[in-house]
Amino acid sequence: HSFGEEEFKAMKKDAYLINTARGAIVDELALYRALKEGWIAGAALDVMEKEPPDLNSPLLKLDKLIITPHISYYSEESYAELKTKAAQAVLDVLKGELPKAIVNPQVVKER
């Protein structure tokens, strides 16, 4: 975890944690304690360690937490851009080029 009790205690009391990256970044027990004890002001999670979350999770009972189901990226603009970039990646491959946004080009072997 990148965020545990030590990190939450070091944050300002009016800070908000927003995680749209990966659930494993945040220790959810530490987040619960941070919110319950007032170490931070609030949090918003679009990802969680376990998805879907356990309905008995104490996090779900907190008023200082907003949880969304992997939709924080969504807007009309981002959805249109997503389709455009996907189409461009297909065109790049058909032209024998690597897509511009390829994450791991080292795994692509030359033919």
PDB file of N, CA and C in Angstrom:
ATOM      1  N   HIS A   1       0.830  -1.197   0.000  1.00  0.00           N
ATOM      2  CA  HIS A   1       0.000   0.000   0.000  1.00  0.00           C
ATOM      3  C   HIS A   1       0.870   1.255   0.000  1.00  0.00           C
ATOM      4  N   SER A   2       0.449   2.241  -0.763  1.00  0.00           N
ATOM      5  CA  SER A   2       1.139   3.532  -0.745  1.00  0.00           C
ATOM      6  C   SER A   2       0.572   4.437   0.342  1.00  0.00           C
ATOM      7  N   PHE A   3      -0.685   4.190   0.735  1.00  0.00           N
ATOM      8  CA  PHE A   3      -1.322   4.981   1.780  1.00  0.00           C
ATOM      9  C   PHE A   3      -1.748   4.060   2.909  1.00  0.00           C
ATOM     10  N   GLY A   4      -1.079   4.227   4.049  1.00  0.00           N
ATOM     11  CA  GLY A   4      -1.404   3.491   5.260  1.00  0.00           C
ATOM     12  C   GLY A   4      -1.554   4.483   6.401  1.00  0.00           C
ATOM     13  N   GLU A   5      -1.589   3.984   7.612  1.00  0.00           N
ATOM     14  CA  GLU A   5      -1.788   4.858   8.772  1.00  0.00           C
ATOM     15  C   GLU A   5      -0.758   5.974   8.845  1.00  0.00           C
ATOM     16  N   GLU A   6       0.498   5.647   8.617  1.00  0.00           N
ATOM     17  CA  GLU A   6       1.562   6.651   8.713  1.00  0.00           C
ATOM     18  C   GLU A   6       1.321   7.804   7.737  1.00  0.00           C
ATOM     19  N   GLU A   7       0.950   7.460   6.509  1.00  0.00           N
ATOM     20  CA  GLU A   7       0.721   8.497   5.489  1.00  0.00           C
ATOM     21  C   GLU A   7      -0.508   9.334   5.830  1.00  0.00           C
ATOM     22  N   PHE A   8      -1.581   8.685   6.300  1.00  0.00           N
ATOM     23  CA  PHE A   8      -2.786   9.437   6.654  1.00  0.00           C
ATOM     24  C   PHE A   8      -2.529  10.372   7.832  1.00  0.00           C
ATOM     25  N   LYS A   9      -1.765   9.919   8.810  1.00  0.00           N
ATOM     26  CA  LYS A   9      -1.452  10.772   9.961  1.00  0.00           C
ATOM     27  C   LYS A   9      -0.607  11.974   9.554  1.00  0.00           C
ATOM     28  N   ALA A  10       0.186  11.835   8.491  1.00  0.00           N
ATOM     29  CA  ALA A  10       1.044  12.931   8.025  1.00  0.00           C
ATOM     30  C   ALA A  10       0.275  13.961   7.194  1.00  0.00           C
ATOM     31  N   MET A  11      -0.923  13.618   6.754  1.00  0.00           N
ATOM     32  CA  MET A  11      -1.710  14.533   5.919  1.00  0.00           C
ATOM     33  C   MET A  11      -2.379  15.600   6.785  1.00  0.00           C
ATOM     34  N   LYS A  12      -2.735  16.712   6.154  1.00  0.00           N
ATOM     35  CA  LYS A  12      -3.468  17.759   6.861  1.00  0.00           C
ATOM     36  C   LYS A  12      -4.874  17.263   7.182  1.00  0.00           C
ATOM     37  N   LYS A  13      -5.438  17.759   8.259  1.00  0.00           N
ATOM     38  CA  LYS A  13      -6.766  17.317   8.680  1.00  0.00           C
ATOM     39  C   LYS A  13      -7.862  17.718   7.695  1.00  0.00           C
ATOM     40  N   ASP A  14      -7.586  18.718   6.844  1.00  0.00           N
ATOM     41  CA  ASP A  14      -8.588  19.123   5.852  1.00  0.00           C
ATOM     42  C   ASP A  14      -8.316  18.509   4.474  1.00  0.00           C
ATOM     43  N   ALA A  15      -7.420  17.511   4.432  1.00  0.00           N
ATOM     44  CA  ALA A  15      -7.071  16.854   3.163  1.00  0.00           C
ATOM     45  C   ALA A  15      -8.126  15.819   2.772  1.00  0.00           C
ATOM     46  N   TYR A  16      -8.220  15.615   1.467  1.00  0.00           N
ATOM     47  CA  TYR A  16      -9.090  14.576   0.906  1.00  0.00           C
ATOM     48  C   TYR A  16      -8.238  13.624   0.082  1.00  0.00           C
ATOM     49  N   LEU A  17      -8.473  12.341   0.230  1.00  0.00           N
ATOM     50  CA  LEU A  17      -7.800  11.335  -0.582  1.00  0.00           C
ATOM     51  C   LEU A  17      -8.729  10.974  -1.739  1.00  0.00           C
ATOM     52  N   ILE A  18      -8.199  11.009  -2.955  1.00  0.00           N
ATOM     53  CA  ILE A  18      -8.954  10.592  -4.136  1.00  0.00           C
ATOM     54  C   ILE A  18      -8.143   9.511  -4.831  1.00  0.00           C
ATOM     55  N   ASN A  19      -8.742   8.334  -4.993  1.00  0.00           N
ATOM     56  CA  ASN A  19      -8.050   7.231  -5.663  1.00  0.00           C
ATOM     57  C   ASN A  19      -8.862   6.757  -6.861  1.00  0.00           C
ATOM     58  N   THR A  20      -8.321   7.011  -8.047  1.00  0.00           N
ATOM     59  CA  THR A  20      -8.905   6.496  -9.286  1.00  0.00           C
ATOM     60  C   THR A  20      -7.927   5.549  -9.972  1.00  0.00           C
ATOM     61  N   ALA A  21      -6.846   5.193  -9.292  1.00  0.00           N
ATOM     62  CA  ALA A  21      -5.776   4.398  -9.908  1.00  0.00           C
ATOM     63  C   ALA A  21      -5.987   2.903  -9.683  1.00  0.00           C
ATOM     64  N   ARG A  22      -5.571   2.404  -8.552  1.00  0.00           N
ATOM     65  CA  ARG A  22      -5.661   0.980  -8.217  1.00  0.00           C
ATOM     66  C   ARG A  22      -6.068   0.841  -6.753  1.00  0.00           C
ATOM     67  N   GLY A  23      -6.910  -0.127  -6.478  1.00  0.00           N
ATOM     68  CA  GLY A  23      -7.381  -0.339  -5.118  1.00  0.00           C
ATOM     69  C   GLY A  23      -6.279  -0.657  -4.135  1.00  0.00           C
ATOM     70  N   ALA A  24      -5.262  -1.374  -4.591  1.00  0.00           N
ATOM     71  CA  ALA A  24      -4.183  -1.803  -3.698  1.00  0.00           C
ATOM     72  C   ALA A  24      -3.322  -0.650  -3.195  1.00  0.00           C
ATOM     73  N   ILE A  25      -3.480   0.531  -3.752  1.00  0.00           N
ATOM     74  CA  ILE A  25      -2.702   1.690  -3.311  1.00  0.00           C
ATOM     75  C   ILE A  25      -3.078   2.104  -1.893  1.00  0.00           C
ATOM     76  N   VAL A  26      -4.334   1.894  -1.529  1.00  0.00           N
ATOM     77  CA  VAL A  26      -4.845   2.374  -0.242  1.00  0.00           C
ATOM     78  C   VAL A  26      -5.141   1.200   0.690  1.00  0.00           C
ATOM     79  N   ASP A  27      -4.579   1.257   1.886  1.00  0.00           N
ATOM     80  CA  ASP A  27      -4.921   0.307   2.942  1.00  0.00           C
ATOM     81  C   ASP A  27      -6.293   0.731   3.462  1.00  0.00           C
ATOM     82  N   GLU A  28      -7.318  -0.044   3.139  1.00  0.00           N
ATOM     83  CA  GLU A  28      -8.681   0.367   3.463  1.00  0.00           C
ATOM     84  C   GLU A  28      -8.961   0.390   4.959  1.00  0.00           C
ATOM     85  N   LEU A  29      -8.322  -0.473   5.725  1.00  0.00           N
ATOM     86  CA  LEU A  29      -8.495  -0.415   7.181  1.00  0.00           C
ATOM     87  C   LEU A  29      -7.899   0.877   7.732  1.00  0.00           C
ATOM     88  N   ALA A  30      -6.747   1.267   7.194  1.00  0.00           N
ATOM     89  CA  ALA A  30      -6.121   2.526   7.618  1.00  0.00           C
ATOM     90  C   ALA A  30      -6.974   3.713   7.176  1.00  0.00           C
ATOM     91  N   LEU A  31      -7.565   3.632   5.983  1.00  0.00           N
ATOM     92  CA  LEU A  31      -8.444   4.708   5.510  1.00  0.00           C
ATOM     93  C   LEU A  31      -9.655   4.828   6.421  1.00  0.00           C
ATOM     94  N   TYR A  32     -10.237   3.709   6.775  1.00  0.00           N
ATOM     95  CA  TYR A  32     -11.384   3.729   7.689  1.00  0.00           C
ATOM     96  C   TYR A  32     -11.005   4.437   8.987  1.00  0.00           C
ATOM     97  N   ARG A  33      -9.887   4.046   9.544  1.00  0.00           N
ATOM     98  CA  ARG A  33      -9.436   4.657  10.807  1.00  0.00           C
ATOM     99  C   ARG A  33      -9.163   6.151  10.624  1.00  0.00           C
ATOM    100  N   ALA A  34      -8.535   6.514   9.496  1.00  0.00           N
ATOM    101  CA  ALA A  34      -8.223   7.924   9.227  1.00  0.00           C
ATOM    102  C   ALA A  34      -9.492   8.763   9.149  1.00  0.00           C
ATOM    103  N   LEU A  35     -10.517   8.224   8.518  1.00  0.00           N
ATOM    104  CA  LEU A  35     -11.781   8.958   8.403  1.00  0.00           C
ATOM    105  C   LEU A  35     -12.525   8.977   9.732  1.00  0.00           C
ATOM    106  N   LYS A  36     -12.554   7.863  10.405  1.00  0.00           N
ATOM    107  CA  LYS A  36     -13.269   7.744  11.679  1.00  0.00           C
ATOM    108  C   LYS A  36     -12.645   8.626  12.759  1.00  0.00           C
ATOM    109  N   GLU A  37     -11.300   8.694  12.773  1.00  0.00           N
ATOM    110  CA  GLU A  37     -10.607   9.450  13.814  1.00  0.00           C
ATOM    111  C   GLU A  37     -10.280  10.882  13.402  1.00  0.00           C
ATOM    112  N   GLY A  38     -10.675  11.280  12.193  1.00  0.00           N
ATOM    113  CA  GLY A  38     -10.485  12.661  11.764  1.00  0.00           C
ATOM    114  C   GLY A  38      -9.079  13.016  11.328  1.00  0.00           C
ATOM    115  N   TRP A  39      -8.283  12.022  10.949  1.00  0.00           N
ATOM    116  CA  TRP A  39      -6.932  12.323  10.462  1.00  0.00           C
ATOM    117  C   TRP A  39      -7.006  13.067   9.135  1.00  0.00           C
ATOM    118  N   ILE A  40      -8.020  12.760   8.315  1.00  0.00           N
ATOM    119  CA  ILE A  40      -8.270  13.479   7.056  1.00  0.00           C
ATOM    120  C   ILE A  40      -9.756  13.824   6.996  1.00  0.00           C
ATOM    121  N   ALA A  41     -10.101  14.761   6.116  1.00  0.00           N
ATOM    122  CA  ALA A  41     -11.479  15.245   6.049  1.00  0.00           C
ATOM    123  C   ALA A  41     -12.415  14.320   5.284  1.00  0.00           C
ATOM    124  N   GLY A  42     -11.892  13.617   4.291  1.00  0.00           N
ATOM    125  CA  GLY A  42     -12.764  12.757   3.499  1.00  0.00           C
ATOM    126  C   GLY A  42     -11.994  12.025   2.427  1.00  0.00           C
ATOM    127  N   ALA A  43     -12.732  11.203   1.678  1.00  0.00           N
ATOM    128  CA  ALA A  43     -12.098  10.425   0.613  1.00  0.00           C
ATOM    129  C   ALA A  43     -13.113  10.104  -0.471  1.00  0.00           C
ATOM    130  N   ALA A  44     -12.586   9.862  -1.671  1.00  0.00           N
ATOM    131  CA  ALA A  44     -13.390   9.407  -2.801  1.00  0.00           C
ATOM    132  C   ALA A  44     -12.625   8.275  -3.472  1.00  0.00           C
ATOM    133  N   LEU A  45     -13.300   7.151  -3.654  1.00  0.00           N
ATOM    134  CA  LEU A  45     -12.669   5.979  -4.257  1.00  0.00           C
ATOM    135  C   LEU A  45     -13.439   5.547  -5.498  1.00  0.00           C
ATOM    136  N   ASP A  46     -12.737   5.380  -6.591  1.00  0.00           N
ATOM    137  CA  ASP A  46     -13.331   4.797  -7.788  1.00  0.00           C
ATOM    138  C   ASP A  46     -12.861   3.356  -7.941  1.00  0.00           C
ATOM    139  N   VAL A  47     -11.916   2.958  -7.121  1.00  0.00           N
ATOM    140  CA  VAL A  47     -11.367   1.601  -7.109  1.00  0.00           C
ATOM    141  C   VAL A  47     -11.206   1.169  -5.658  1.00  0.00           C
ATOM    142  N   MET A  48     -11.328  -0.130  -5.431  1.00  0.00           N
ATOM    143  CA  MET A  48     -11.168  -0.663  -4.083  1.00  0.00           C
ATOM    144  C   MET A  48     -10.325  -1.929  -4.141  1.00  0.00           C
ATOM    145  N   GLU A  49      -9.807  -2.326  -2.985  1.00  0.00           N
ATOM    146  CA  GLU A  49      -8.984  -3.538  -2.930  1.00  0.00           C
ATOM    147  C   GLU A  49      -9.773  -4.759  -3.390  1.00  0.00           C
ATOM    148  N   LYS A  50     -11.004  -4.867  -2.965  1.00  0.00           N
ATOM    149  CA  LYS A  50     -11.862  -5.985  -3.362  1.00  0.00           C
ATOM    150  C   LYS A  50     -13.082  -5.395  -4.057  1.00  0.00           C
ATOM    151  N   GLU A  51     -13.323  -5.848  -5.273  1.00  0.00           N
ATOM    152  CA  GLU A  51     -14.475  -5.346  -6.019  1.00  0.00           C
ATOM    153  C   GLU A  51     -15.307  -6.513  -6.516  1.00  0.00           C
ATOM    154  N   PRO A  52     -16.610  -6.441  -6.331  1.00  0.00           N
ATOM    155  CA  PRO A  52     -17.315  -5.411  -5.578  1.00  0.00           C
ATOM    156  C   PRO A  52     -16.959  -5.501  -4.096  1.00  0.00           C
ATOM    157  N   PRO A  53     -17.112  -4.391  -3.399  1.00  0.00           N
ATOM    158  CA  PRO A  53     -16.745  -4.401  -1.978  1.00  0.00           C
ATOM    159  C   PRO A  53     -17.708  -5.265  -1.165  1.00  0.00           C
ATOM    160  N   ASP A  54     -17.204  -5.756  -0.055  1.00  0.00           N
ATOM    161  CA  ASP A  54     -18.034  -6.501   0.884  1.00  0.00           C
ATOM    162  C   ASP A  54     -19.099  -5.546   1.424  1.00  0.00           C
ATOM    163  N   LEU A  55     -20.358  -5.929   1.331  1.00  0.00           N
ATOM    164  CA  LEU A  55     -21.439  -5.049   1.779  1.00  0.00           C
ATOM    165  C   LEU A  55     -21.399  -4.787   3.278  1.00  0.00           C
ATOM    166  N   ASN A  56     -20.642  -5.574   4.012  1.00  0.00           N
ATOM    167  CA  ASN A  56     -20.489  -5.360   5.454  1.00  0.00           C
ATOM    168  C   ASN A  56     -19.269  -4.512   5.791  1.00  0.00           C
ATOM    169  N   SER A  57     -18.569  -4.021   4.778  1.00  0.00           N
ATOM    170  CA  SER A  57     -17.376  -3.209   5.017  1.00  0.00           C
ATOM    171  C   SER A  57     -17.746  -1.961   5.808  1.00  0.00           C
ATOM    172  N   PRO A  58     -17.001  -1.677   6.865  1.00  0.00           N
ATOM    173  CA  PRO A  58     -17.293  -0.466   7.645  1.00  0.00           C
ATOM    174  C   PRO A  58     -17.111   0.813   6.826  1.00  0.00           C
ATOM    175  N   LEU A  59     -16.301   0.762   5.770  1.00  0.00           N
ATOM    176  CA  LEU A  59     -16.120   1.941   4.914  1.00  0.00           C
ATOM    177  C   LEU A  59     -17.442   2.407   4.319  1.00  0.00           C
ATOM    178  N   LEU A  60     -18.310   1.464   3.978  1.00  0.00           N
ATOM    179  CA  LEU A  60     -19.572   1.805   3.322  1.00  0.00           C
ATOM    180  C   LEU A  60     -20.533   2.554   4.237  1.00  0.00           C
ATOM    181  N   LYS A  61     -20.247   2.576   5.504  1.00  0.00           N
ATOM    182  CA  LYS A  61     -21.120   3.242   6.471  1.00  0.00           C
ATOM    183  C   LYS A  61     -20.676   4.673   6.792  1.00  0.00           C
ATOM    184  N   LEU A  62     -19.567   5.104   6.201  1.00  0.00           N
ATOM    185  CA  LEU A  62     -19.016   6.425   6.516  1.00  0.00           C
ATOM    186  C   LEU A  62     -19.607   7.519   5.630  1.00  0.00           C
ATOM    187  N   ASP A  63     -19.961   8.635   6.248  1.00  0.00           N
ATOM    188  CA  ASP A  63     -20.478   9.784   5.498  1.00  0.00           C
ATOM    189  C   ASP A  63     -19.373  10.569   4.802  1.00  0.00           C
ATOM    190  N   LYS A  64     -18.138  10.402   5.235  1.00  0.00           N
ATOM    191  CA  LYS A  64     -17.014  11.163   4.678  1.00  0.00           C
ATOM    192  C   LYS A  64     -16.385  10.485   3.464  1.00  0.00           C
ATOM    193  N   LEU A  65     -17.057   9.481   2.904  1.00  0.00           N
ATOM    194  CA  LEU A  65     -16.502   8.712   1.796  1.00  0.00           C
ATOM    195  C   LEU A  65     -17.498   8.616   0.650  1.00  0.00           C
ATOM    196  N   ILE A  66     -17.009   8.886  -0.557  1.00  0.00           N
ATOM    197  CA  ILE A  66     -17.795   8.689  -1.776  1.00  0.00           C
ATOM    198  C   ILE A  66     -17.144   7.550  -2.546  1.00  0.00           C
ATOM    199  N   ILE A  67     -17.958   6.586  -2.981  1.00  0.00           N
ATOM    200  CA  ILE A  67     -17.453   5.458  -3.767  1.00  0.00           C
ATOM    201  C   ILE A  67     -18.207   5.408  -5.089  1.00  0.00           C
ATOM    202  N   THR A  68     -17.454   5.306  -6.184  1.00  0.00           N
ATOM    203  CA  THR A  68     -18.053   5.150  -7.507  1.00  0.00           C
ATOM    204  C   THR A  68     -17.534   3.853  -8.128  1.00  0.00           C
ATOM    205  N   PRO A  69     -18.322   3.218  -9.006  1.00  0.00           N
ATOM    206  CA  PRO A  69     -17.927   1.930  -9.582  1.00  0.00           C
ATOM    207  C   PRO A  69     -17.159   2.048 -10.898  1.00  0.00           C
ATOM    208  N   HIS A  70     -15.926   2.494 -10.823  1.00  0.00           N
ATOM    209  CA  HIS A  70     -15.070   2.612 -12.018  1.00  0.00           C
ATOM    210  C   HIS A  70     -15.671   3.512 -13.091  1.00  0.00           C
ATOM    211  N   ILE A  71     -16.306   4.591 -12.688  1.00  0.00           N
ATOM    212  CA  ILE A  71     -16.900   5.489 -13.682  1.00  0.00           C
ATOM    213  C   ILE A  71     -16.386   6.913 -13.568  1.00  0.00           C
ATOM    214  N   SER A  72     -15.371   7.130 -12.769  1.00  0.00           N
ATOM    215  CA  SER A  72     -14.910   8.511 -12.568  1.00  0.00           C
ATOM    216  C   SER A  72     -14.295   9.113 -13.820  1.00  0.00           C
ATOM    217  N   TYR A  73     -13.871   8.272 -14.765  1.00  0.00           N
ATOM    218  CA  TYR A  73     -13.290   8.781 -16.012  1.00  0.00           C
ATOM    219  C   TYR A  73     -14.357   9.358 -16.927  1.00  0.00           C
ATOM    220  N   TYR A  74     -15.608   8.989 -16.711  1.00  0.00           N
ATOM    221  CA  TYR A  74     -16.625   9.209 -17.734  1.00  0.00           C
ATOM    222  C   TYR A  74     -17.063  10.665 -17.874  1.00  0.00           C
ATOM    223  N   SER A  75     -17.041  11.107 -19.104  1.00  0.00           N
ATOM    224  CA  SER A  75     -17.692  12.338 -19.553  1.00  0.00           C
ATOM    225  C   SER A  75     -17.924  12.128 -21.041  1.00  0.00           C
ATOM    226  N   GLU A  76     -18.785  12.891 -21.628  1.00  0.00           N
ATOM    227  CA  GLU A  76     -19.022  12.774 -23.073  1.00  0.00           C
ATOM    228  C   GLU A  76     -17.709  12.961 -23.832  1.00  0.00           C
ATOM    229  N   GLU A  77     -16.906  13.931 -23.386  1.00  0.00           N
ATOM    230  CA  GLU A  77     -15.645  14.227 -24.058  1.00  0.00           C
ATOM    231  C   GLU A  77     -14.651  13.067 -23.939  1.00  0.00           C
ATOM    232  N   SER A  78     -14.531  12.513 -22.731  1.00  0.00           N
ATOM    233  CA  SER A  78     -13.562  11.426 -22.550  1.00  0.00           C
ATOM    234  C   SER A  78     -13.993  10.175 -23.308  1.00  0.00           C
ATOM    235  N   TYR A  79     -15.283   9.920 -23.379  1.00  0.00           N
ATOM    236  CA  TYR A  79     -15.765   8.747 -24.109  1.00  0.00           C
ATOM    237  C   TYR A  79     -15.504   8.900 -25.606  1.00  0.00           C
ATOM    238  N   ALA A  80     -15.730  10.092 -26.143  1.00  0.00           N
ATOM    239  CA  ALA A  80     -15.448  10.344 -27.561  1.00  0.00           C
ATOM    240  C   ALA A  80     -13.949  10.203 -27.835  1.00  0.00           C
ATOM    241  N   GLU A  81     -13.118  10.742 -26.947  1.00  0.00           N
ATOM    242  CA  GLU A  81     -11.664  10.654 -27.124  1.00  0.00           C
ATOM    243  C   GLU A  81     -11.190   9.203 -27.032  1.00  0.00           C
ATOM    244  N   LEU A  82     -11.782   8.432 -26.145  1.00  0.00           N
ATOM    245  CA  LEU A  82     -11.436   7.020 -26.002  1.00  0.00           C
ATOM    246  C   LEU A  82     -11.674   6.272 -27.313  1.00  0.00           C
ATOM    247  N   LYS A  83     -12.813   6.513 -27.935  1.00  0.00           N
ATOM    248  CA  LYS A  83     -13.123   5.843 -29.208  1.00  0.00           C
ATOM    249  C   LYS A  83     -12.174   6.296 -30.311  1.00  0.00           C
ATOM    250  N   THR A  84     -11.855   7.582 -30.345  1.00  0.00           N
ATOM    251  CA  THR A  84     -10.942   8.106 -31.362  1.00  0.00           C
ATOM    252  C   THR A  84      -9.550   7.501 -31.211  1.00  0.00           C
ATOM    253  N   LYS A  85      -9.047   7.445 -29.985  1.00  0.00           N
ATOM    254  CA  LYS A  85      -7.710   6.886 -29.749  1.00  0.00           C
ATOM    255  C   LYS A  85      -7.662   5.388 -30.039  1.00  0.00           C
ATOM    256  N   ALA A  86      -8.732   4.672 -29.739  1.00  0.00           N
ATOM    257  CA  ALA A  86      -8.768   3.239 -30.042  1.00  0.00           C
ATOM    258  C   ALA A  86      -8.735   3.020 -31.551  1.00  0.00           C
ATOM    259  N   ALA A  87      -9.506   3.809 -32.289  1.00  0.00           N
ATOM    260  CA  ALA A  87      -9.512   3.686 -33.752  1.00  0.00           C
ATOM    261  C   ALA A  87      -8.139   4.027 -34.324  1.00  0.00           C
ATOM    262  N   GLN A  88      -7.484   5.054 -33.785  1.00  0.00           N
ATOM    263  CA  GLN A  88      -6.156   5.432 -34.265  1.00  0.00           C
ATOM    264  C   GLN A  88      -5.144   4.320 -33.998  1.00  0.00           C
ATOM    265  N   ALA A  89      -5.255   3.661 -32.849  1.00  0.00           N
ATOM    266  CA  ALA A  89      -4.350   2.554 -32.531  1.00  0.00           C
ATOM    267  C   ALA A  89      -4.522   1.409 -33.530  1.00  0.00           C
ATOM    268  N   VAL A  90      -5.750   1.121 -33.910  1.00  0.00           N
ATOM    269  CA  VAL A  90      -6.001   0.076 -34.909  1.00  0.00           C
ATOM    270  C   VAL A  90      -5.380   0.469 -36.244  1.00  0.00           C
ATOM    271  N   LEU A  91      -5.571   1.717 -36.649  1.00  0.00           N
ATOM    272  CA  LEU A  91      -4.976   2.195 -37.903  1.00  0.00           C
ATOM    273  C   LEU A  91      -3.454   2.101 -37.866  1.00  0.00           C
ATOM    274  N   ASP A  92      -2.854   2.476 -36.745  1.00  0.00           N
ATOM    275  CA  ASP A  92      -1.394   2.388 -36.605  1.00  0.00           C
ATOM    276  C   ASP A  92      -0.920   0.956 -36.830  1.00  0.00           C
ATOM    277  N   VAL A  93      -1.575   0.003 -36.195  1.00  0.00           N
ATOM    278  CA  VAL A  93      -1.184  -1.402 -36.329  1.00  0.00           C
ATOM    279  C   VAL A  93      -1.355  -1.869 -37.772  1.00  0.00           C
ATOM    280  N   LEU A  94      -2.451  -1.483 -38.407  1.00  0.00           N
ATOM    281  CA  LEU A  94      -2.674  -1.886 -39.798  1.00  0.00           C
ATOM    282  C   LEU A  94      -1.616  -1.311 -40.738  1.00  0.00           C
ATOM    283  N   LYS A  95      -1.032  -0.178 -40.359  1.00  0.00           N
ATOM    284  CA  LYS A  95       0.045   0.427 -41.159  1.00  0.00           C
ATOM    285  C   LYS A  95       1.416  -0.140 -40.781  1.00  0.00           C
ATOM    286  N   GLY A  96       1.440  -1.094 -39.858  1.00  0.00           N
ATOM    287  CA  GLY A  96       2.705  -1.687 -39.436  1.00  0.00           C
ATOM    288  C   GLY A  96       3.444  -0.869 -38.396  1.00  0.00           C
ATOM    289  N   GLU A  97       2.777   0.059 -37.770  1.00  0.00           N
ATOM    290  CA  GLU A  97       3.392   0.915 -36.747  1.00  0.00           C
ATOM    291  C   GLU A  97       2.909   0.497 -35.359  1.00  0.00           C
ATOM    292  N   LEU A  98       3.698   0.851 -34.359  1.00  0.00           N
ATOM    293  CA  LEU A  98       3.243   0.649 -32.989  1.00  0.00           C
ATOM    294  C   LEU A  98       2.261   1.756 -32.627  1.00  0.00           C
ATOM    295  N   PRO A  99       1.222   1.436 -31.891  1.00  0.00           N
ATOM    296  CA  PRO A  99       0.322   2.494 -31.420  1.00  0.00           C
ATOM    297  C   PRO A  99       1.097   3.495 -30.559  1.00  0.00           C
ATOM    298  N   LYS A 100       0.712   4.756 -30.616  1.00  0.00           N
ATOM    299  CA  LYS A 100       1.428   5.808 -29.880  1.00  0.00           C
ATOM    300  C   LYS A 100       1.343   5.633 -28.364  1.00  0.00           C
ATOM    301  N   ALA A 101       0.253   5.068 -27.889  1.00  0.00           N
ATOM    302  CA  ALA A 101       0.045   4.962 -26.444  1.00  0.00           C
ATOM    303  C   ALA A 101       0.371   3.576 -25.900  1.00  0.00           C
ATOM    304  N   ILE A 102       1.188   2.814 -26.611  1.00  0.00           N
ATOM    305  CA  ILE A 102       1.512   1.466 -26.137  1.00  0.00           C
ATOM    306  C   ILE A 102       2.299   1.558 -24.829  1.00  0.00           C
ATOM    307  N   VAL A 103       1.900   0.755 -23.869  1.00  0.00           N
ATOM    308  CA  VAL A 103       2.485   0.814 -22.533  1.00  0.00           C
ATOM    309  C   VAL A 103       3.781   0.018 -22.436  1.00  0.00           C
ATOM    310  N   ASN A 104       3.845  -1.106 -23.129  1.00  0.00           N
ATOM    311  CA  ASN A 104       4.997  -1.993 -22.999  1.00  0.00           C
ATOM    312  C   ASN A 104       5.555  -2.378 -24.374  1.00  0.00           C
ATOM    313  N   PRO A 105       6.158  -1.430 -25.083  1.00  0.00           N
ATOM    314  CA  PRO A 105       6.650  -1.723 -26.432  1.00  0.00           C
ATOM    315  C   PRO A 105       7.738  -2.800 -26.462  1.00  0.00           C
ATOM    316  N   GLN A 106       8.409  -3.040 -25.340  1.00  0.00           N
ATOM    317  CA  GLN A 106       9.481  -4.029 -25.302  1.00  0.00           C
ATOM    318  C   GLN A 106       8.971  -5.451 -25.556  1.00  0.00           C
ATOM    319  N   VAL A 107       7.679  -5.694 -25.406  1.00  0.00           N
ATOM    320  CA  VAL A 107       7.174  -7.050 -25.620  1.00  0.00           C
ATOM    321  C   VAL A 107       6.799  -7.312 -27.077  1.00  0.00           C
ATOM    322  N   VAL A 108       6.780  -6.266 -27.875  1.00  0.00           N
ATOM    323  CA  VAL A 108       6.443  -6.423 -29.285  1.00  0.00           C
ATOM    324  C   VAL A 108       7.702  -6.843 -30.032  1.00  0.00           C
ATOM    325  N   LYS A 109       7.625  -7.975 -30.692  1.00  0.00           N
ATOM    326  CA  LYS A 109       8.791  -8.492 -31.413  1.00  0.00           C
ATOM    327  C   LYS A 109       8.743  -8.036 -32.861  1.00  0.00           C
ATOM    328  N   GLU A 110       9.910  -7.713 -33.377  1.00  0.00           N
ATOM    329  CA  GLU A 110      10.026  -7.347 -34.793  1.00  0.00           C
ATOM    330  C   GLU A 110       9.791  -8.577 -35.643  1.00  0.00           C
ATOM    331  N   ARG A 111       9.132  -8.394 -36.757  1.00  0.00           N
ATOM    332  CA  ARG A 111       8.910  -9.511 -37.688  1.00  0.00           C
ATOM    333  C   ARG A 111       9.801  -9.366 -38.868  1.00  0.00           C
TER     334      ARG A 111
END
